[in-house]
Amino acid sequence: MMAHVQLSDKKVRSLIRSGNIRFGGNKKLRIYGLLSCVSGKQMKAANRTFFATEQEAIAAGYRPCGHCMPALYRAWKAGAIPAHGR
């Protein structure tokens, strides 16, 4: 997990291009989603975190976004995806 405020915009772009960042998360709400998610693009940089994998986000206690990952969100809501790390 990497906090957006600890990275320059140039470094973030480089990490995205290299595949080291594949998902974004909101550290206050503990939600993760796709980098292309409209909801994720609107959050404050101070609340944004980045993950390399879904497993990393889930292990940190984040849940899937209901907007950009509706099937995974429904699975989480039904209890099929555990909430780890809390």
Protein backbone atom coordinates (compact mmCIF):
# COMPACT_ATOMS: atom_id res chain seq x y z
CA MET A 1 0.00 0.00 0.00
CA MET A 2 1.31 3.43 -0.97
CA ALA A 3 -0.15 6.76 0.12
CA HIS A 4 -0.71 9.24 -2.73
CA VAL A 5 0.54 12.19 -0.67
CA GLN A 6 3.93 10.48 -0.28
CA LEU A 7 4.41 10.20 -4.05
CA SER A 8 4.92 12.87 -6.69
CA ASP A 9 2.53 12.91 -9.66
CA LYS A 10 5.43 11.88 -11.90
CA LYS A 11 6.23 8.90 -9.65
CA VAL A 12 2.54 7.84 -9.59
CA ARG A 13 2.39 7.90 -13.40
CA SER A 14 5.61 5.88 -13.60
CA LEU A 15 4.33 3.26 -11.13
CA ILE A 16 1.04 2.96 -13.03
CA ARG A 17 2.84 2.52 -16.37
CA SER A 18 5.14 -0.14 -14.90
CA GLY A 19 2.20 -2.05 -13.39
CA ASN A 20 3.27 -1.54 -9.78
CA ILE A 21 0.02 0.33 -9.11
CA ARG A 22 -3.18 -1.32 -10.39
CA PHE A 23 -5.83 -0.27 -7.86
CA GLY A 24 -6.67 2.83 -5.87
CA GLY A 25 -8.27 3.02 -2.45
CA ASN A 26 -9.85 5.46 -0.04
CA LYS A 27 -8.12 5.08 3.32
CA LYS A 28 -10.95 6.72 5.30
CA LEU A 29 -13.72 4.60 3.79
CA ARG A 30 -11.50 1.51 3.26
CA ILE A 31 -12.78 0.99 -0.29
CA TYR A 32 -10.60 -0.04 -3.26
CA GLY A 33 -11.36 0.07 -6.97
CA LEU A 34 -10.07 0.47 -10.49
CA LEU A 35 -7.88 3.45 -11.33
CA SER A 36 -10.41 4.44 -13.99
CA CYS A 37 -13.30 4.66 -11.48
CA VAL A 38 -15.13 8.00 -11.52
CA SER A 39 -15.67 7.85 -7.76
CA GLY A 40 -11.99 7.18 -7.16
CA LYS A 41 -10.90 10.06 -9.34
CA GLN A 42 -12.99 12.47 -7.24
CA MET A 43 -11.46 11.66 -3.85
CA LYS A 44 -8.94 13.88 -2.11
CA ALA A 45 -5.31 12.91 -2.67
CA ALA A 46 -4.86 12.89 1.13
CA ASN A 47 -7.33 9.98 1.35
CA ARG A 48 -6.03 8.05 -1.69
CA THR A 49 -3.86 4.96 -1.42
CA PHE A 50 -2.56 2.65 -4.13
CA PHE A 51 -2.27 -1.13 -4.32
CA ALA A 52 -0.45 -3.47 -6.68
CA THR A 53 -3.01 -6.28 -6.31
CA GLU A 54 -6.56 -6.90 -5.13
CA GLN A 55 -5.19 -9.34 -2.56
CA GLU A 56 -3.07 -6.55 -1.07
CA ALA A 57 -6.14 -4.31 -0.74
CA ILE A 58 -8.26 -7.08 0.80
CA ALA A 59 -5.47 -8.01 3.23
CA ALA A 60 -5.34 -4.35 4.32
CA GLY A 61 -9.06 -4.51 5.16
CA TYR A 62 -10.43 -2.70 2.10
CA ARG A 63 -13.66 -3.71 0.35
CA PRO A 64 -14.44 -3.56 -3.40
CA CYS A 65 -16.03 -0.42 -4.87
CA GLY A 66 -19.70 -0.79 -5.73
CA HIS A 67 -19.38 1.52 -8.76
CA CYS A 68 -16.50 0.04 -10.75
CA MET A 69 -16.47 -3.50 -9.31
CA PRO A 70 -20.17 -4.34 -8.81
CA ALA A 71 -19.80 -8.14 -8.99
CA LEU A 72 -17.00 -8.19 -6.42
CA TYR A 73 -18.91 -5.72 -4.24
CA ARG A 74 -21.94 -8.03 -4.25
CA ALA A 75 -19.70 -10.99 -3.36
CA TRP A 76 -18.18 -8.98 -0.49
CA LYS A 77 -21.64 -7.93 0.69
CA ALA A 78 -22.74 -11.58 0.68
CA GLY A 79 -19.69 -12.52 2.76
CA ALA A 80 -17.80 -14.37 0.03
CA ILE A 81 -14.85 -11.96 0.29
CA PRO A 82 -13.51 -11.72 3.86
CA ALA A 83 -12.62 -8.41 5.49
CA HIS A 84 -9.01 -8.93 6.66
CA GLY A 85 -6.63 -6.57 8.37
CA ARG A 86 -9.06 -4.83 10.71
